[in-house]
Amino acid sequence: MSTPPKEKFLVLYLAPAQVLADWAKTDPATRQAAEEKMRAEWQQWMRDHAPMLSMTEAAGKTKSITSSGLSDTKNDIMLYSIVEAESHDIAAKAFERHPHLQIPQSSIQVTAIRPMGPM
């Protein structure tokens, strides 16, 4: 019996820009200790879930493009990943206890990616 093909998902790690700006004002020693703890937990989570992760990268500056033109903008996206899993629910459940959720008001969105077909 063959295993069903895995589906692909876009994972967005979100945190409000104001929360991050406020965090940057935290006492450096306190901030450093908390960031080192979270970094270690992230690395462990990444090792534990490596088979499902295709890539994880940081998001940078953002441009907004509308019919009126383009402009600099901000959003809450900190990072993104591409993951593969047997189903949407399996992919989402893998992130239920992700260290990113320790950031106040943070969230993680798991979006199905589907092929568009020939253009």
N, C-alpha and C. Protein backbone atom coordinates (compact mmCIF):
# COMPACT_ATOMS: atom_id res chain seq x y z
N MET A 1 0.85 -1.18 0.00
CA MET A 1 0.00 0.00 0.00
C MET A 1 0.89 1.24 0.00
N SER A 2 0.66 2.16 -0.93
CA SER A 2 1.50 3.35 -1.00
C SER A 2 0.97 4.44 -0.08
N THR A 3 1.88 5.30 0.34
CA THR A 3 1.47 6.40 1.21
C THR A 3 0.92 7.53 0.35
N PRO A 4 -0.10 8.22 0.83
CA PRO A 4 -0.66 9.32 0.04
C PRO A 4 0.37 10.44 -0.10
N PRO A 5 0.30 11.18 -1.21
CA PRO A 5 1.25 12.28 -1.39
C PRO A 5 1.03 13.35 -0.32
N LYS A 6 2.11 13.97 0.07
CA LYS A 6 2.01 15.03 1.08
C LYS A 6 1.55 16.33 0.41
N GLU A 7 0.81 17.11 1.19
CA GLU A 7 0.36 18.42 0.73
C GLU A 7 1.35 19.47 1.23
N LYS A 8 1.37 20.62 0.55
CA LYS A 8 2.25 21.72 0.94
C LYS A 8 1.44 22.83 1.60
N PHE A 9 2.10 23.49 2.58
CA PHE A 9 1.45 24.56 3.32
C PHE A 9 2.41 25.72 3.52
N LEU A 10 1.86 26.93 3.48
CA LEU A 10 2.59 28.15 3.81
C LEU A 10 2.27 28.47 5.26
N VAL A 11 3.30 28.62 6.07
CA VAL A 11 3.13 28.92 7.48
C VAL A 11 3.63 30.34 7.73
N LEU A 12 2.77 31.19 8.28
CA LEU A 12 3.15 32.56 8.60
C LEU A 12 3.23 32.70 10.12
N TYR A 13 4.36 33.23 10.58
CA TYR A 13 4.57 33.49 12.01
C TYR A 13 4.33 34.99 12.19
N LEU A 14 3.29 35.35 12.92
CA LEU A 14 2.86 36.75 13.05
C LEU A 14 3.06 37.26 14.47
N ALA A 15 3.43 38.53 14.57
CA ALA A 15 3.49 39.23 15.86
C ALA A 15 3.30 40.71 15.57
N PRO A 16 2.45 41.38 16.34
CA PRO A 16 2.22 42.81 16.10
C PRO A 16 3.52 43.62 16.19
N ALA A 17 3.71 44.50 15.24
CA ALA A 17 4.91 45.34 15.20
C ALA A 17 5.09 46.12 16.51
N GLN A 18 3.99 46.58 17.11
CA GLN A 18 4.09 47.36 18.35
C GLN A 18 4.59 46.49 19.50
N VAL A 19 4.19 45.24 19.54
CA VAL A 19 4.67 44.32 20.58
C VAL A 19 6.19 44.17 20.45
N LEU A 20 6.66 44.01 19.22
CA LEU A 20 8.10 43.86 19.00
C LEU A 20 8.85 45.15 19.33
N ALA A 21 8.26 46.29 19.00
CA ALA A 21 8.89 47.57 19.33
C ALA A 21 8.98 47.76 20.84
N ASP A 22 7.92 47.38 21.55
CA ASP A 22 7.93 47.48 23.01
C ASP A 22 8.97 46.53 23.60
N TRP A 23 9.08 45.33 23.03
CA TRP A 23 10.06 44.35 23.50
C TRP A 23 11.48 44.88 23.35
N ALA A 24 11.73 45.60 22.27
CA ALA A 24 13.06 46.16 22.02
C ALA A 24 13.47 47.16 23.12
N LYS A 25 12.50 47.70 23.85
CA LYS A 25 12.78 48.65 24.93
C LYS A 25 13.02 47.96 26.27
N THR A 26 12.86 46.64 26.30
CA THR A 26 13.06 45.86 27.54
C THR A 26 14.53 45.92 27.95
N ASP A 27 14.77 45.85 29.25
CA ASP A 27 16.14 45.82 29.77
C ASP A 27 16.95 44.79 28.98
N PRO A 28 18.12 45.18 28.45
CA PRO A 28 18.92 44.27 27.61
C PRO A 28 19.24 42.92 28.24
N ALA A 29 19.54 42.89 29.52
CA ALA A 29 19.87 41.61 30.17
C ALA A 29 18.65 40.70 30.21
N THR A 30 17.51 41.27 30.54
CA THR A 30 16.26 40.50 30.58
C THR A 30 15.92 39.99 29.18
N ARG A 31 16.03 40.90 28.21
CA ARG A 31 15.71 40.54 26.82
C ARG A 31 16.64 39.44 26.31
N GLN A 32 17.92 39.56 26.59
CA GLN A 32 18.89 38.58 26.10
C GLN A 32 18.60 37.19 26.66
N ALA A 33 18.33 37.11 27.95
CA ALA A 33 18.04 35.81 28.57
C ALA A 33 16.78 35.18 27.96
N ALA A 34 15.74 35.97 27.78
CA ALA A 34 14.49 35.45 27.21
C ALA A 34 14.69 35.04 25.75
N GLU A 35 15.45 35.83 25.00
CA GLU A 35 15.68 35.50 23.59
C GLU A 35 16.54 34.25 23.44
N GLU A 36 17.52 34.07 24.31
CA GLU A 36 18.34 32.85 24.26
C GLU A 36 17.49 31.61 24.57
N LYS A 37 16.61 31.73 25.56
CA LYS A 37 15.71 30.62 25.91
C LYS A 37 14.81 30.28 24.72
N MET A 38 14.19 31.29 24.13
CA MET A 38 13.30 31.05 23.00
C MET A 38 14.07 30.50 21.81
N ARG A 39 15.26 31.00 21.56
CA ARG A 39 16.08 30.51 20.43
C ARG A 39 16.37 29.02 20.61
N ALA A 40 16.72 28.61 21.81
CA ALA A 40 16.99 27.19 22.09
C ALA A 40 15.73 26.35 21.86
N GLU A 41 14.58 26.86 22.31
CA GLU A 41 13.33 26.14 22.12
C GLU A 41 12.95 26.06 20.65
N TRP A 42 13.19 27.14 19.89
CA TRP A 42 12.96 27.16 18.45
C TRP A 42 13.82 26.09 17.77
N GLN A 43 15.11 26.08 18.11
CA GLN A 43 16.03 25.13 17.48
C GLN A 43 15.60 23.70 17.77
N GLN A 44 15.16 23.44 18.99
CA GLN A 44 14.68 22.10 19.33
C GLN A 44 13.43 21.76 18.54
N TRP A 45 12.50 22.71 18.43
CA TRP A 45 11.28 22.49 17.66
C TRP A 45 11.63 22.20 16.21
N MET A 46 12.56 22.96 15.65
CA MET A 46 12.96 22.77 14.24
C MET A 46 13.59 21.38 14.05
N ARG A 47 14.41 20.94 14.98
CA ARG A 47 14.99 19.59 14.88
C ARG A 47 13.90 18.52 14.96
N ASP A 48 12.97 18.70 15.88
CA ASP A 48 11.90 17.72 16.08
C ASP A 48 10.98 17.63 14.87
N HIS A 49 10.85 18.71 14.13
CA HIS A 49 9.91 18.76 13.00
C HIS A 49 10.61 18.87 11.65
N ALA A 50 11.90 18.63 11.61
CA ALA A 50 12.69 18.77 10.39
C ALA A 50 12.11 18.03 9.19
N PRO A 51 11.58 16.81 9.35
CA PRO A 51 11.07 16.10 8.17
C PRO A 51 9.94 16.84 7.43
N MET A 52 9.19 17.67 8.13
CA MET A 52 8.08 18.36 7.47
C MET A 52 8.47 19.74 6.93
N LEU A 53 9.62 20.27 7.34
CA LEU A 53 10.02 21.62 6.96
C LEU A 53 10.83 21.64 5.66
N SER A 54 10.32 22.34 4.67
CA SER A 54 11.07 22.54 3.43
C SER A 54 11.99 23.74 3.56
N MET A 55 11.49 24.79 4.21
CA MET A 55 12.29 26.00 4.41
C MET A 55 11.64 26.88 5.45
N THR A 56 12.46 27.70 6.11
CA THR A 56 11.99 28.73 7.03
C THR A 56 12.91 29.92 6.84
N GLU A 57 12.31 31.08 6.62
CA GLU A 57 13.09 32.30 6.39
C GLU A 57 12.41 33.48 7.07
N ALA A 58 13.20 34.50 7.34
CA ALA A 58 12.69 35.73 7.94
C ALA A 58 12.09 36.63 6.85
N ALA A 59 11.02 37.31 7.22
CA ALA A 59 10.42 38.29 6.33
C ALA A 59 11.10 39.63 6.56
N GLY A 60 11.22 40.40 5.52
CA GLY A 60 11.89 41.69 5.62
C GLY A 60 10.95 42.85 5.34
N LYS A 61 11.52 43.93 4.83
CA LYS A 61 10.73 45.12 4.52
C LYS A 61 9.64 44.76 3.52
N THR A 62 8.53 45.49 3.61
CA THR A 62 7.36 45.17 2.80
C THR A 62 6.94 46.36 1.96
N LYS A 63 6.55 46.09 0.73
CA LYS A 63 5.98 47.08 -0.18
C LYS A 63 4.53 46.69 -0.43
N SER A 64 3.66 47.67 -0.48
CA SER A 64 2.26 47.46 -0.82
C SER A 64 2.04 47.99 -2.23
N ILE A 65 1.42 47.18 -3.07
CA ILE A 65 1.16 47.58 -4.44
C ILE A 65 -0.34 47.58 -4.66
N THR A 66 -0.88 48.72 -5.08
CA THR A 66 -2.30 48.84 -5.38
C THR A 66 -2.43 49.49 -6.75
N SER A 67 -3.65 49.66 -7.21
CA SER A 67 -3.86 50.32 -8.50
C SER A 67 -3.40 51.78 -8.44
N SER A 68 -3.23 52.32 -7.24
CA SER A 68 -2.76 53.71 -7.08
C SER A 68 -1.24 53.82 -7.07
N GLY A 69 -0.54 52.67 -7.01
CA GLY A 69 0.91 52.70 -6.99
C GLY A 69 1.47 51.82 -5.88
N LEU A 70 2.71 52.10 -5.51
CA LEU A 70 3.33 51.30 -4.45
C LEU A 70 3.85 52.19 -3.34
N SER A 71 3.93 51.58 -2.16
CA SER A 71 4.37 52.32 -0.98
C SER A 71 4.98 51.34 0.02
N ASP A 72 5.78 51.89 0.92
CA ASP A 72 6.30 51.10 2.02
C ASP A 72 5.16 50.85 3.00
N THR A 73 5.16 49.70 3.60
CA THR A 73 4.13 49.37 4.59
C THR A 73 4.72 48.41 5.61
N LYS A 74 3.97 48.13 6.64
CA LYS A 74 4.37 47.16 7.66
C LYS A 74 3.25 46.15 7.80
N ASN A 75 3.63 44.94 8.18
CA ASN A 75 2.64 43.92 8.51
C ASN A 75 3.17 43.14 9.70
N ASP A 76 2.46 42.14 10.12
CA ASP A 76 2.84 41.40 11.31
C ASP A 76 3.64 40.13 11.02
N ILE A 77 4.03 39.93 9.76
CA ILE A 77 4.75 38.71 9.38
C ILE A 77 6.22 38.84 9.80
N MET A 78 6.66 37.92 10.66
CA MET A 78 8.06 37.88 11.10
C MET A 78 8.86 36.87 10.27
N LEU A 79 8.27 35.71 10.07
CA LEU A 79 8.92 34.60 9.39
C LEU A 79 7.88 33.85 8.58
N TYR A 80 8.37 32.98 7.70
CA TYR A 80 7.47 32.07 7.01
C TYR A 80 8.19 30.75 6.79
N SER A 81 7.40 29.69 6.68
CA SER A 81 7.92 28.36 6.39
C SER A 81 7.09 27.74 5.28
N ILE A 82 7.68 26.82 4.58
CA ILE A 82 6.95 25.92 3.69
C ILE A 82 7.08 24.55 4.33
N VAL A 83 5.93 23.91 4.58
CA VAL A 83 5.94 22.59 5.20
C VAL A 83 5.15 21.61 4.34
N GLU A 84 5.44 20.34 4.54
CA GLU A 84 4.71 19.28 3.88
C GLU A 84 4.15 18.35 4.94
N ALA A 85 2.87 17.99 4.77
CA ALA A 85 2.22 17.10 5.73
C ALA A 85 1.11 16.33 5.01
N GLU A 86 0.63 15.29 5.65
CA GLU A 86 -0.41 14.45 5.07
C GLU A 86 -1.74 15.19 4.95
N SER A 87 -1.97 16.17 5.82
CA SER A 87 -3.22 16.93 5.77
C SER A 87 -3.03 18.31 6.41
N HIS A 88 -4.01 19.16 6.18
CA HIS A 88 -4.00 20.50 6.76
C HIS A 88 -4.03 20.42 8.29
N ASP A 89 -4.87 19.55 8.82
CA ASP A 89 -4.97 19.40 10.28
C ASP A 89 -3.65 18.92 10.89
N ILE A 90 -3.00 17.97 10.25
CA ILE A 90 -1.71 17.48 10.76
C ILE A 90 -0.69 18.60 10.75
N ALA A 91 -0.65 19.37 9.66
CA ALA A 91 0.29 20.49 9.58
C ALA A 91 0.01 21.50 10.69
N ALA A 92 -1.24 21.87 10.86
CA ALA A 92 -1.59 22.88 11.87
C ALA A 92 -1.30 22.39 13.28
N LYS A 93 -1.63 21.15 13.58
CA LYS A 93 -1.41 20.62 14.93
C LYS A 93 0.07 20.62 15.31
N ALA A 94 0.95 20.51 14.33
CA ALA A 94 2.39 20.52 14.61
C ALA A 94 2.83 21.85 15.22
N PHE A 95 2.06 22.90 15.00
CA PHE A 95 2.43 24.24 15.47
C PHE A 95 1.70 24.66 16.74
N GLU A 96 0.88 23.79 17.31
CA GLU A 96 0.08 24.16 18.49
C GLU A 96 0.91 24.62 19.68
N ARG A 97 2.07 24.07 19.86
CA ARG A 97 2.91 24.43 21.02
C ARG A 97 4.24 25.05 20.57
N HIS A 98 4.20 25.71 19.44
CA HIS A 98 5.42 26.30 18.88
C HIS A 98 5.93 27.44 19.78
N PRO A 99 7.25 27.54 19.97
CA PRO A 99 7.81 28.60 20.83
C PRO A 99 7.44 30.02 20.40
N HIS A 100 7.15 30.23 19.13
CA HIS A 100 6.75 31.57 18.66
C HIS A 100 5.55 32.09 19.43
N LEU A 101 4.69 31.19 19.87
CA LEU A 101 3.45 31.60 20.55
C LEU A 101 3.69 32.17 21.94
N GLN A 102 4.95 32.15 22.40
CA GLN A 102 5.29 32.80 23.67
C GLN A 102 5.31 34.32 23.54
N ILE A 103 5.42 34.82 22.32
CA ILE A 103 5.41 36.27 22.08
C ILE A 103 3.98 36.76 22.31
N PRO A 104 3.77 37.77 23.13
CA PRO A 104 2.41 38.26 23.37
C PRO A 104 1.71 38.63 22.06
N GLN A 105 0.45 38.26 21.95
CA GLN A 105 -0.42 38.55 20.82
C GLN A 105 0.06 37.93 19.51
N SER A 106 0.96 36.96 19.58
CA SER A 106 1.46 36.33 18.35
C SER A 106 0.47 35.26 17.88
N SER A 107 0.65 34.85 16.64
CA SER A 107 -0.14 33.77 16.09
C SER A 107 0.64 33.11 14.96
N ILE A 108 0.17 31.96 14.55
CA ILE A 108 0.73 31.23 13.43
C ILE A 108 -0.43 30.85 12.53
N GLN A 109 -0.28 31.12 11.24
CA GLN A 109 -1.30 30.74 10.27
C GLN A 109 -0.73 29.67 9.35
N VAL A 110 -1.50 28.63 9.11
CA VAL A 110 -1.09 27.54 8.22
C VAL A 110 -2.08 27.53 7.06
N THR A 111 -1.58 27.85 5.87
CA THR A 111 -2.42 28.00 4.68
C THR A 111 -2.06 26.93 3.65
N ALA A 112 -3.06 26.26 3.13
CA ALA A 112 -2.82 25.26 2.10
C ALA A 112 -2.30 25.93 0.82
N ILE A 113 -1.34 25.28 0.20
CA ILE A 113 -0.82 25.73 -1.10
C ILE A 113 -1.33 24.73 -2.13
N ARG A 114 -1.93 25.24 -3.16
CA ARG A 114 -2.42 24.32 -4.20
C ARG A 114 -1.90 24.75 -5.56
N PRO A 115 -1.59 23.80 -6.40
CA PRO A 115 -1.05 24.12 -7.71
C PRO A 115 -2.07 24.89 -8.54
N MET A 116 -1.57 25.81 -9.34
CA MET A 116 -2.44 26.60 -10.19
C MET A 116 -2.62 25.97 -11.58
N GLY A 117 -1.73 25.09 -11.95
CA GLY A 117 -1.81 24.51 -13.28
C GLY A 117 -1.08 25.39 -14.27
N PRO A 118 -1.05 24.99 -15.53
CA PRO A 118 -0.31 25.77 -16.52
C PRO A 118 -0.92 27.15 -16.71
N MET A 119 -0.07 28.09 -16.96
CA MET A 119 -0.52 29.48 -17.18
C MET A 119 -0.66 29.76 -18.66
